[in-house]
Amino acid sequence: MSVREYRRSGKPVTGEISVPGDKSISHRAAIFGAMAEGVTVIDGFLTGEDCLHTLSCLRQLGVEIEREGDRVLVHGRGYEALKEPADVLDVGNSGTTMRLLTGLVAARPFYSVLSGDRSLNSRPMDRVARPLSQMGAKFYGRAGGKYAPLTVIGSRLQPIRYISPVASAQVKSALLLAGLQTEGVTEVVEPEPSRDHTERMIQAFGGRVETDGRHHRVIGPQRLTATRIKVPGDPSSAAFFIALAALTPGSRLVIRNVCINPTRAGFIEALKRMGADIRTGNKREVGGEPVADLDVRYAPLSATEIAGEIVPSMIDEIPVFALVAARAQGRTVIRDAGELKVKETNRIKTVVGELKKLGVRIEETTDGMIIDGEPDRLMTGGEVDAHGDHRLAMMLAVASQACEDPVLVHGADAVSVSFPGFSELFAALTQK
């Protein structure tokens, strides 16, 4: 486990940067390329550990894949050509890989076992296994099928209408992937809209999906056709540098080619409520996704409250949002974020615990947290732990720029899961 020291520079953050390709889109582009017929070319593919595990698993399912840097070629022969894996599908720390591949293989007539690292195997998989079982697949796992390692015995499925108790793009995507291979209408109803990359990707590959607010339907079986995908910059990765510029006096930072999909824009919307100066320019569409350049300038911030439908659109950014709230004037309240408990860590508990070590006045609640911001007082610094969580590791690095003393982050190498090169880029901006 690596330990990295970060020191406050006190200098404005300026310049232009870009961030790696979107993780959610990279996963899906590879999976849909494997289901399609023909060669799918993916440019800007995220080469973080999570997405590389997806490529490895698809190869085990018989898919030929070439990779050179961030360009990936997926030689698809249709989902009917997928074959039974000879070994366990190792998904590492990637919940997206496990849940989406579970939907893919549930409709194939063979035996699969999916497993990950210790952290992932403690996260609930029954939220996907339960509705897929209703469609006719069989599942065996720890605690009655709740936890991985997860055995999947796929079969010819029956369509269902599933009312999901959680707004989860992974649950929705798993069912739509299964539904594309199943005769009839498969429908998913969500309590709140979740990110819609899967629906956009189905259309990019020539498929058909009906979306009406919280209702999503596919009529299967459908045949998909290979295409070219340009993956835009990941807004979740950009969030750490948005926060860095927003919190550092005198800063102005331009982040190029960032995905601004409305189902991912909650973090920017929440910061704007607080008074952040974030401007979008050069808006365009790339591969069916809205993209723009973000111009972030320092401005004093005031507390806010987030709850309800905005939460799914910023769920991965809540750790760094909590840090921003610690530097805003007043009390910020985060509610309806219980989904944080089943991420790479229980992010409510770990975010609160680690920020407290840095002197932040923050308290845990059953479904969120309460932060009393103190913009005029530097945090203390000290030793903190990323708990193997890439987003926590990056948030703690950014926190160092508001700390009086150095911040030593244990497990700092977790950033490689989603943002290879984070530490180098962070150092270039803060130490120049």
Protein backbone atom coordinates (compact mmCIF):
# COMPACT_ATOMS: atom_id res chain seq x y z
CA MET A 1 0.00 0.00 0.00
CA SER A 2 1.53 3.30 -1.07
CA VAL A 3 1.73 6.44 1.06
CA ARG A 4 1.86 9.80 -0.69
CA GLU A 5 2.49 13.19 0.89
CA TYR A 6 0.67 16.25 -0.40
CA ARG A 7 1.61 19.79 0.68
CA ARG A 8 -0.35 22.99 0.28
CA SER A 9 1.28 25.28 -2.27
CA GLY A 10 -0.88 28.36 -1.68
CA LYS A 11 -0.60 29.23 -5.37
CA PRO A 12 -3.51 29.74 -7.78
CA VAL A 13 -4.35 26.83 -10.07
CA THR A 14 -4.21 27.96 -13.70
CA GLY A 15 -3.97 26.55 -17.21
CA GLU A 16 -5.74 24.06 -19.46
CA ILE A 17 -6.03 20.32 -18.85
CA SER A 18 -7.93 17.28 -20.04
CA VAL A 19 -9.00 14.24 -18.03
CA PRO A 20 -9.15 10.54 -19.03
CA GLY A 21 -12.11 9.05 -20.87
CA ASP A 22 -15.37 8.46 -19.05
CA LYS A 23 -15.35 5.22 -17.07
CA SER A 24 -19.05 4.43 -17.48
CA ILE A 25 -18.96 4.99 -21.25
CA SER A 26 -15.73 3.00 -21.69
CA HIS A 27 -17.22 -0.05 -19.92
CA ARG A 28 -20.37 0.09 -22.01
CA ALA A 29 -18.62 0.69 -25.34
CA ALA A 30 -16.57 -2.47 -24.87
CA ILE A 31 -19.55 -4.58 -23.77
CA PHE A 32 -21.80 -3.40 -26.60
CA GLY A 33 -18.94 -3.88 -29.04
CA ALA A 34 -18.73 -7.50 -27.87
CA MET A 35 -22.48 -7.96 -28.42
CA ALA A 36 -22.48 -6.31 -31.86
CA GLU A 37 -21.53 -7.71 -35.24
CA GLY A 38 -18.38 -6.20 -36.76
CA VAL A 39 -15.38 -4.26 -35.50
CA THR A 40 -16.12 -1.49 -33.00
CA VAL A 41 -13.40 1.18 -32.71
CA ILE A 42 -13.23 2.97 -29.36
CA ASP A 43 -11.04 6.08 -29.05
CA GLY A 44 -10.32 7.67 -25.69
CA PHE A 45 -10.95 4.40 -23.81
CA LEU A 46 -10.15 4.74 -20.10
CA THR A 47 -7.12 2.57 -19.36
CA GLY A 48 -7.78 2.46 -15.61
CA GLU A 49 -7.87 -0.86 -13.80
CA ASP A 50 -11.68 -1.13 -13.74
CA CYS A 51 -12.09 -0.86 -17.51
CA LEU A 52 -9.13 -3.15 -18.20
CA HIS A 53 -10.88 -5.81 -16.11
CA THR A 54 -13.89 -5.47 -18.41
CA LEU A 55 -11.68 -6.11 -21.46
CA SER A 56 -10.09 -9.12 -19.77
CA CYS A 57 -13.47 -10.65 -18.93
CA LEU A 58 -14.77 -10.12 -22.46
CA ARG A 59 -11.70 -11.90 -23.84
CA GLN A 60 -12.50 -14.84 -21.56
CA LEU A 61 -15.98 -14.88 -23.13
CA GLY A 62 -14.37 -15.42 -26.54
CA VAL A 63 -14.21 -11.84 -27.82
CA GLU A 64 -11.13 -10.75 -29.77
CA ILE A 65 -9.92 -7.37 -28.51
CA GLU A 66 -6.94 -5.26 -29.57
CA ARG A 67 -5.63 -2.30 -27.60
CA GLU A 68 -3.03 0.30 -28.41
CA GLY A 69 -2.91 3.07 -25.83
CA ASP A 70 -6.44 4.44 -25.42
CA ARG A 71 -7.68 3.00 -28.74
CA VAL A 72 -9.54 -0.31 -28.46
CA LEU A 73 -10.81 -2.51 -31.30
CA VAL A 74 -13.53 -4.99 -30.35
CA HIS A 75 -14.14 -7.74 -32.92
CA GLY A 76 -17.77 -8.59 -32.23
CA ARG A 77 -19.58 -11.61 -33.68
CA GLY A 78 -22.91 -11.02 -31.98
CA TYR A 79 -23.90 -12.06 -28.47
CA GLU A 80 -24.80 -15.56 -29.68
CA ALA A 81 -21.09 -16.15 -30.35
CA LEU A 82 -20.11 -15.57 -26.70
CA LYS A 83 -18.71 -18.73 -25.14
CA GLU A 84 -18.57 -20.24 -21.68
CA PRO A 85 -15.50 -18.95 -19.80
CA ALA A 86 -12.94 -21.57 -18.80
CA ASP A 87 -12.12 -19.80 -15.55
CA VAL A 88 -13.55 -17.33 -13.05
CA LEU A 89 -14.29 -13.89 -14.51
CA ASP A 90 -12.13 -11.63 -12.31
CA VAL A 91 -13.66 -8.14 -12.21
CA GLY A 92 -11.20 -6.69 -9.67
CA ASN A 93 -12.77 -3.75 -7.86
CA SER A 94 -15.27 -2.91 -10.61
CA GLY A 95 -18.90 -3.10 -9.58
CA THR A 96 -19.91 -1.88 -13.05
CA THR A 97 -18.10 -4.80 -14.67
CA MET A 98 -19.70 -7.35 -12.39
CA ARG A 99 -23.25 -6.06 -12.58
CA LEU A 100 -23.30 -5.38 -16.33
CA LEU A 101 -21.62 -8.67 -17.23
CA THR A 102 -24.10 -10.46 -14.99
CA GLY A 103 -26.89 -9.09 -17.19
CA LEU A 104 -24.96 -10.09 -20.32
CA VAL A 105 -24.24 -13.72 -19.36
CA ALA A 106 -27.61 -14.35 -17.68
CA ALA A 107 -29.15 -14.64 -21.15
CA ARG A 108 -26.46 -16.97 -22.53
CA PRO A 109 -26.91 -20.76 -22.12
CA PHE A 110 -23.75 -21.46 -20.16
CA TYR A 111 -22.12 -21.41 -16.73
CA SER A 112 -20.16 -18.40 -15.43
CA VAL A 113 -18.58 -17.42 -12.15
CA LEU A 114 -17.86 -13.74 -11.41
CA SER A 115 -15.66 -12.63 -8.54
CA GLY A 116 -13.69 -9.57 -7.49
CA ASP A 117 -11.42 -8.31 -4.75
CA ARG A 118 -12.34 -8.35 -1.06
CA SER A 119 -13.98 -4.93 -1.25
CA LEU A 120 -16.17 -5.78 -4.23
CA ASN A 121 -17.17 -9.16 -2.82
CA SER A 122 -18.67 -7.37 0.17
CA ARG A 123 -20.98 -5.27 -2.01
CA PRO A 124 -24.56 -6.44 -2.68
CA MET A 125 -25.16 -8.20 -6.00
CA ASP A 126 -28.67 -9.44 -5.23
CA ARG A 127 -30.10 -6.16 -6.53
CA VAL A 128 -29.14 -7.46 -9.99
CA ALA A 129 -29.50 -11.20 -9.37
CA ARG A 130 -33.04 -10.88 -8.01
CA PRO A 131 -34.72 -9.43 -11.13
CA LEU A 132 -32.59 -11.58 -13.46
CA SER A 133 -33.76 -14.62 -11.49
CA GLN A 134 -37.33 -13.52 -12.20
CA MET A 135 -36.41 -13.62 -15.88
CA GLY A 136 -35.26 -17.23 -15.54
CA ALA A 137 -31.51 -17.21 -14.83
CA LYS A 138 -30.14 -19.11 -11.83
CA PHE A 139 -27.73 -17.60 -9.30
CA TYR A 140 -25.65 -19.02 -6.47
CA GLY A 141 -23.49 -16.94 -4.18
CA ARG A 142 -22.57 -16.17 -0.60
CA ALA A 143 -25.36 -15.27 1.82
CA GLY A 144 -28.01 -16.80 -0.42
CA GLY A 145 -26.76 -15.12 -3.59
CA LYS A 146 -26.30 -11.65 -2.09
CA TYR A 147 -22.50 -11.52 -2.40
CA ALA A 148 -19.90 -12.65 -4.89
CA PRO A 149 -18.29 -14.96 -5.89
CA LEU A 150 -21.46 -15.26 -7.95
CA THR A 151 -22.32 -18.29 -10.08
CA VAL A 152 -24.62 -17.57 -13.02
CA ILE A 153 -26.37 -20.30 -14.96
CA GLY A 154 -27.77 -18.55 -17.99
CA SER A 155 -30.71 -19.64 -20.07
CA ARG A 156 -33.37 -18.46 -22.48
CA LEU A 157 -35.02 -15.70 -20.45
CA GLN A 158 -38.55 -14.38 -20.17
CA PRO A 159 -39.18 -10.60 -20.25
CA ILE A 160 -40.39 -8.82 -17.12
CA ARG A 161 -41.53 -5.41 -15.96
CA TYR A 162 -39.29 -4.57 -13.02
CA ILE A 163 -39.95 -1.73 -10.57
CA SER A 164 -36.53 -1.01 -9.11
CA PRO A 165 -36.36 0.08 -5.44
CA VAL A 166 -33.16 2.06 -6.17
CA ALA A 167 -32.13 4.52 -8.87
CA SER A 168 -29.19 2.52 -10.19
CA ALA A 169 -27.78 2.73 -13.70
CA GLN A 170 -26.05 -0.60 -13.11
CA VAL A 171 -29.29 -2.41 -12.26
CA LYS A 172 -31.10 -0.80 -15.18
CA SER A 173 -28.25 -1.58 -17.57
CA ALA A 174 -28.00 -5.23 -16.51
CA LEU A 175 -31.71 -5.76 -17.22
CA LEU A 176 -31.58 -3.92 -20.55
CA LEU A 177 -28.54 -5.98 -21.63
CA ALA A 178 -30.48 -9.15 -20.80
CA GLY A 179 -33.62 -7.76 -22.45
CA LEU A 180 -31.80 -7.11 -25.74
CA GLN A 181 -31.26 -10.88 -25.94
CA THR A 182 -34.78 -11.86 -24.81
CA GLU A 183 -37.96 -12.20 -26.85
CA GLY A 184 -40.60 -9.68 -25.78
CA VAL A 185 -40.72 -6.39 -23.87
CA THR A 186 -38.36 -5.89 -20.92
CA GLU A 187 -39.16 -2.78 -18.88
CA VAL A 188 -37.37 -1.13 -15.95
CA VAL A 189 -39.05 1.53 -13.81
CA GLU A 190 -36.82 3.64 -11.53
CA PRO A 191 -37.74 5.79 -8.50
CA GLU A 192 -35.51 8.60 -9.88
CA PRO A 193 -33.72 8.92 -13.24
CA SER A 194 -30.20 7.43 -13.24
CA ARG A 195 -27.38 8.02 -15.74
CA ASP A 196 -28.50 7.13 -19.26
CA HIS A 197 -25.29 6.05 -21.01
CA THR A 198 -26.71 2.57 -21.72
CA GLU A 199 -29.78 3.94 -23.47
CA ARG A 200 -27.60 6.24 -25.61
CA MET A 201 -25.21 3.38 -26.35
CA ILE A 202 -28.00 1.06 -27.52
CA GLN A 203 -28.98 3.65 -30.11
CA ALA A 204 -25.35 4.26 -31.14
CA PHE A 205 -25.11 0.54 -31.99
CA GLY A 206 -28.29 0.64 -34.07
CA GLY A 207 -30.60 -0.73 -31.38
CA ARG A 208 -33.96 0.53 -30.18
CA VAL A 209 -34.88 1.60 -26.67
CA GLU A 210 -37.91 3.51 -25.42
CA THR A 211 -37.34 5.93 -22.54
CA ASP A 212 -40.11 7.94 -20.93
CA GLY A 213 -38.91 9.64 -17.78
CA ARG A 214 -38.32 6.82 -15.30
CA HIS A 215 -39.56 4.07 -17.64
CA HIS A 216 -37.14 2.22 -19.97
CA ARG A 217 -38.13 -0.52 -22.43
CA VAL A 218 -36.42 -2.72 -24.98
CA ILE A 219 -38.14 -5.16 -27.32
CA GLY A 220 -35.90 -8.13 -27.99
CA PRO A 221 -34.17 -9.90 -29.40
CA GLN A 222 -32.21 -7.20 -31.24
CA ARG A 223 -29.09 -7.41 -33.38
CA LEU A 224 -26.54 -4.66 -32.88
CA THR A 225 -24.07 -3.30 -35.44
CA ALA A 226 -20.48 -2.26 -34.75
CA THR A 227 -19.70 1.45 -34.73
CA ARG A 228 -17.05 4.03 -33.79
CA ILE A 229 -17.15 5.53 -30.30
CA LYS A 230 -15.24 8.59 -29.12
CA VAL A 231 -15.21 8.57 -25.32
CA PRO A 232 -15.41 12.09 -23.80
CA GLY A 233 -13.62 13.15 -20.61
CA ASP A 234 -15.04 11.73 -17.38
CA PRO A 235 -17.01 14.33 -15.36
CA SER A 236 -16.33 12.35 -12.17
CA SER A 237 -12.58 12.68 -12.78
CA ALA A 238 -12.95 16.34 -13.75
CA ALA A 239 -14.78 16.98 -10.45
CA PHE A 240 -11.55 16.82 -8.45
CA PHE A 241 -9.95 19.57 -10.53
CA ILE A 242 -13.16 21.61 -10.58
CA ALA A 243 -13.05 21.48 -6.77
CA LEU A 244 -9.34 22.31 -6.71
CA ALA A 245 -9.86 25.48 -8.76
CA ALA A 246 -13.09 26.42 -6.97
CA LEU A 247 -11.34 26.26 -3.56
CA THR A 248 -8.01 27.92 -4.39
CA PRO A 249 -8.07 31.76 -4.41
CA GLY A 250 -7.02 33.36 -7.70
CA SER A 251 -7.50 30.19 -9.74
CA ARG A 252 -8.78 29.82 -13.27
CA LEU A 253 -8.69 26.37 -14.85
CA VAL A 254 -10.06 25.20 -18.21
CA ILE A 255 -10.91 21.48 -18.51
CA ARG A 256 -11.34 20.38 -22.13
CA ASN A 257 -13.76 17.85 -23.66
CA VAL A 258 -15.80 16.89 -20.58
CA CYS A 259 -19.03 14.89 -20.84
CA ILE A 260 -21.89 17.10 -19.60
CA ASN A 261 -24.64 14.49 -19.84
CA PRO A 262 -27.56 15.87 -17.74
CA THR A 263 -27.69 12.62 -15.72
CA ARG A 264 -24.08 13.32 -14.62
CA ALA A 265 -24.27 17.09 -14.09
CA GLY A 266 -25.44 17.21 -10.47
CA PHE A 267 -22.03 18.12 -9.04
CA ILE A 268 -21.70 21.19 -11.26
CA GLU A 269 -25.30 22.21 -10.54
CA ALA A 270 -24.75 21.85 -6.78
CA LEU A 271 -21.56 23.93 -6.88
CA LYS A 272 -23.31 26.64 -8.88
CA ARG A 273 -25.97 26.77 -6.16
CA MET A 274 -23.13 27.51 -3.75
CA GLY A 275 -21.89 30.40 -5.88
CA ALA A 276 -19.16 28.62 -7.87
CA ASP A 277 -18.10 30.30 -11.13
CA ILE A 278 -18.24 27.46 -13.68
CA ARG A 279 -18.82 28.30 -17.34
CA THR A 280 -19.37 25.92 -20.26
CA GLY A 281 -18.13 26.60 -23.78
CA ASN A 282 -17.62 24.85 -27.10
CA LYS A 283 -20.71 22.70 -26.55
CA ARG A 284 -21.14 19.84 -29.02
CA GLU A 285 -22.19 16.21 -29.30
CA VAL A 286 -19.63 13.40 -29.50
CA GLY A 287 -20.76 9.80 -29.94
CA GLY A 288 -24.27 10.64 -28.80
CA GLU A 289 -23.07 12.38 -25.61
CA PRO A 290 -23.08 16.15 -24.92
CA VAL A 291 -19.54 17.49 -24.44
CA ALA A 292 -18.13 20.91 -23.48
CA ASP A 293 -15.09 22.73 -22.15
CA LEU A 294 -15.41 23.84 -18.51
CA ASP A 295 -13.97 27.18 -17.38
CA VAL A 296 -13.67 27.17 -13.57
CA ARG A 297 -12.78 30.33 -11.62
CA TYR A 298 -12.40 30.78 -7.89
CA ALA A 299 -15.32 32.41 -6.06
CA PRO A 300 -16.47 32.50 -2.40
CA LEU A 301 -18.96 29.71 -1.65
CA SER A 302 -22.06 29.46 0.55
CA ALA A 303 -23.68 26.34 2.02
CA THR A 304 -26.54 24.52 0.32
CA GLU A 305 -28.70 21.43 0.69
CA ILE A 306 -28.83 18.51 -1.72
CA ALA A 307 -31.49 15.82 -1.72
CA GLY A 308 -33.91 14.01 -4.01
CA GLU A 309 -33.44 13.69 -7.74
CA ILE A 310 -30.11 15.57 -7.93
CA VAL A 311 -28.38 12.90 -5.81
CA PRO A 312 -28.17 10.08 -8.42
CA SER A 313 -26.60 12.53 -10.88
CA MET A 314 -23.72 13.31 -8.49
CA ILE A 315 -23.47 10.15 -6.37
CA ASP A 316 -19.81 9.51 -7.30
CA GLU A 317 -18.88 13.15 -6.65
CA ILE A 318 -20.32 13.39 -3.14
CA PRO A 319 -16.94 12.69 -1.45
CA VAL A 320 -15.33 15.71 -3.13
CA PHE A 321 -18.55 17.71 -2.74
CA ALA A 322 -18.29 17.16 1.03
CA LEU A 323 -14.80 18.67 0.90
CA VAL A 324 -16.10 21.70 -1.02
CA ALA A 325 -18.86 22.08 1.57
CA ALA A 326 -16.22 22.18 4.31
CA ARG A 327 -14.84 25.36 2.69
CA ALA A 328 -18.25 27.00 2.11
CA GLN A 329 -19.83 29.46 4.55
CA GLY A 330 -22.56 27.84 6.63
CA ARG A 331 -24.13 24.40 7.11
CA THR A 332 -24.48 22.04 4.13
CA VAL A 333 -26.84 19.07 4.40
CA ILE A 334 -26.69 15.98 2.15
CA ARG A 335 -29.71 13.66 2.24
CA ASP A 336 -31.10 10.70 0.24
CA ALA A 337 -27.57 9.41 -0.41
CA GLY A 338 -27.88 5.97 1.18
CA GLU A 339 -26.46 4.47 -2.03
CA LEU A 340 -23.06 5.69 -0.82
CA LYS A 341 -23.03 2.84 1.70
CA VAL A 342 -22.62 0.20 -1.04
CA LYS A 343 -19.87 1.84 -3.08
CA GLU A 344 -16.17 0.84 -2.96
CA THR A 345 -16.44 1.62 0.74
CA ASN A 346 -19.29 2.85 2.91
CA ARG A 347 -18.58 6.34 1.63
CA ILE A 348 -20.72 8.03 4.23
CA LYS A 349 -18.65 6.54 7.04
CA THR A 350 -15.23 6.81 5.35
CA VAL A 351 -15.67 10.36 4.03
CA VAL A 352 -16.87 11.60 7.41
CA GLY A 353 -14.13 9.73 9.27
CA GLU A 354 -11.24 10.91 7.10
CA LEU A 355 -12.36 14.55 6.85
CA LYS A 356 -12.73 14.64 10.64
CA LYS A 357 -9.05 13.69 10.87
CA LEU A 358 -8.28 16.87 8.90
CA GLY A 359 -10.28 19.01 11.31
CA VAL A 360 -13.53 19.29 9.33
CA ARG A 361 -16.75 19.72 11.33
CA ILE A 362 -18.77 16.95 9.72
CA GLU A 363 -21.30 14.42 11.03
CA GLU A 364 -22.71 11.21 9.61
CA THR A 365 -26.47 10.72 9.20
CA THR A 366 -28.42 7.64 8.16
CA ASP A 367 -28.54 8.69 4.50
CA GLY A 368 -25.94 11.43 4.16
CA MET A 369 -23.95 13.94 6.18
CA ILE A 370 -23.98 17.42 7.69
CA ILE A 371 -21.00 19.72 7.15
CA ASP A 372 -20.35 23.02 8.94
CA GLY A 373 -18.15 24.97 6.57
CA GLU A 374 -15.34 27.22 7.74
CA PRO A 375 -13.86 29.05 4.73
CA ASP A 376 -11.65 31.34 6.82
CA ARG A 377 -9.81 28.57 8.70
CA LEU A 378 -7.33 26.17 7.16
CA MET A 379 -7.85 22.49 7.94
CA THR A 380 -5.21 20.78 10.05
CA GLY A 381 -3.65 18.14 7.79
CA GLY A 382 -2.22 14.84 9.05
CA GLU A 383 -2.42 11.11 8.21
CA VAL A 384 -5.49 9.77 6.41
CA ASP A 385 -6.49 6.52 4.70
CA ALA A 386 -8.11 6.05 1.30
CA HIS A 387 -9.51 2.64 2.35
CA GLY A 388 -8.77 1.31 -1.14
CA ASP A 389 -11.27 3.79 -2.63
CA HIS A 390 -10.03 5.73 -5.66
CA ARG A 391 -12.42 8.64 -5.21
CA LEU A 392 -11.53 8.99 -1.54
CA ALA A 393 -7.81 8.99 -2.42
CA MET A 394 -8.26 11.84 -4.93
CA MET A 395 -10.52 13.84 -2.61
CA LEU A 396 -7.91 13.68 0.16
CA ALA A 397 -5.22 14.88 -2.26
CA VAL A 398 -7.35 17.92 -3.14
CA ALA A 399 -8.01 18.50 0.57
CA SER A 400 -4.28 19.04 1.10
CA GLN A 401 -4.52 22.41 -0.65
CA ALA A 402 -6.74 23.68 2.17
CA CYS A 403 -4.63 22.23 5.01
CA GLU A 404 -2.08 23.97 7.17
CA ASP A 405 0.17 20.90 7.47
CA PRO A 406 1.02 18.17 4.94
CA VAL A 407 -1.50 15.40 4.24
CA LEU A 408 -0.18 11.81 4.14
CA VAL A 409 -2.59 9.61 2.18
CA HIS A 410 -2.24 5.89 2.87
CA GLY A 411 -3.39 3.83 -0.12
CA ALA A 412 -2.89 6.70 -2.55
CA ASP A 413 -2.26 4.23 -5.40
CA ALA A 414 -6.02 3.51 -5.51
CA VAL A 415 -6.30 6.41 -7.99
CA SER A 416 -5.18 4.04 -10.78
CA VAL A 417 -8.63 2.43 -10.73
CA SER A 418 -10.17 5.36 -12.60
CA PHE A 419 -7.53 8.04 -13.17
CA PRO A 420 -4.08 6.88 -14.29
CA GLY A 421 -1.80 9.91 -14.14
CA PHE A 422 -3.83 11.75 -11.50
CA SER A 423 -0.90 12.31 -9.16
CA GLU A 424 1.33 13.68 -11.92
CA LEU A 425 -1.34 16.06 -13.19
CA PHE A 426 -2.19 17.19 -9.66
CA ALA A 427 1.49 17.88 -8.93
CA ALA A 428 1.91 19.79 -12.20
CA LEU A 429 -0.94 22.14 -11.30
CA THR A 430 -0.19 22.66 -7.61
CA GLN A 431 3.62 22.73 -7.61
CA LYS A 432 4.44 24.73 -10.72
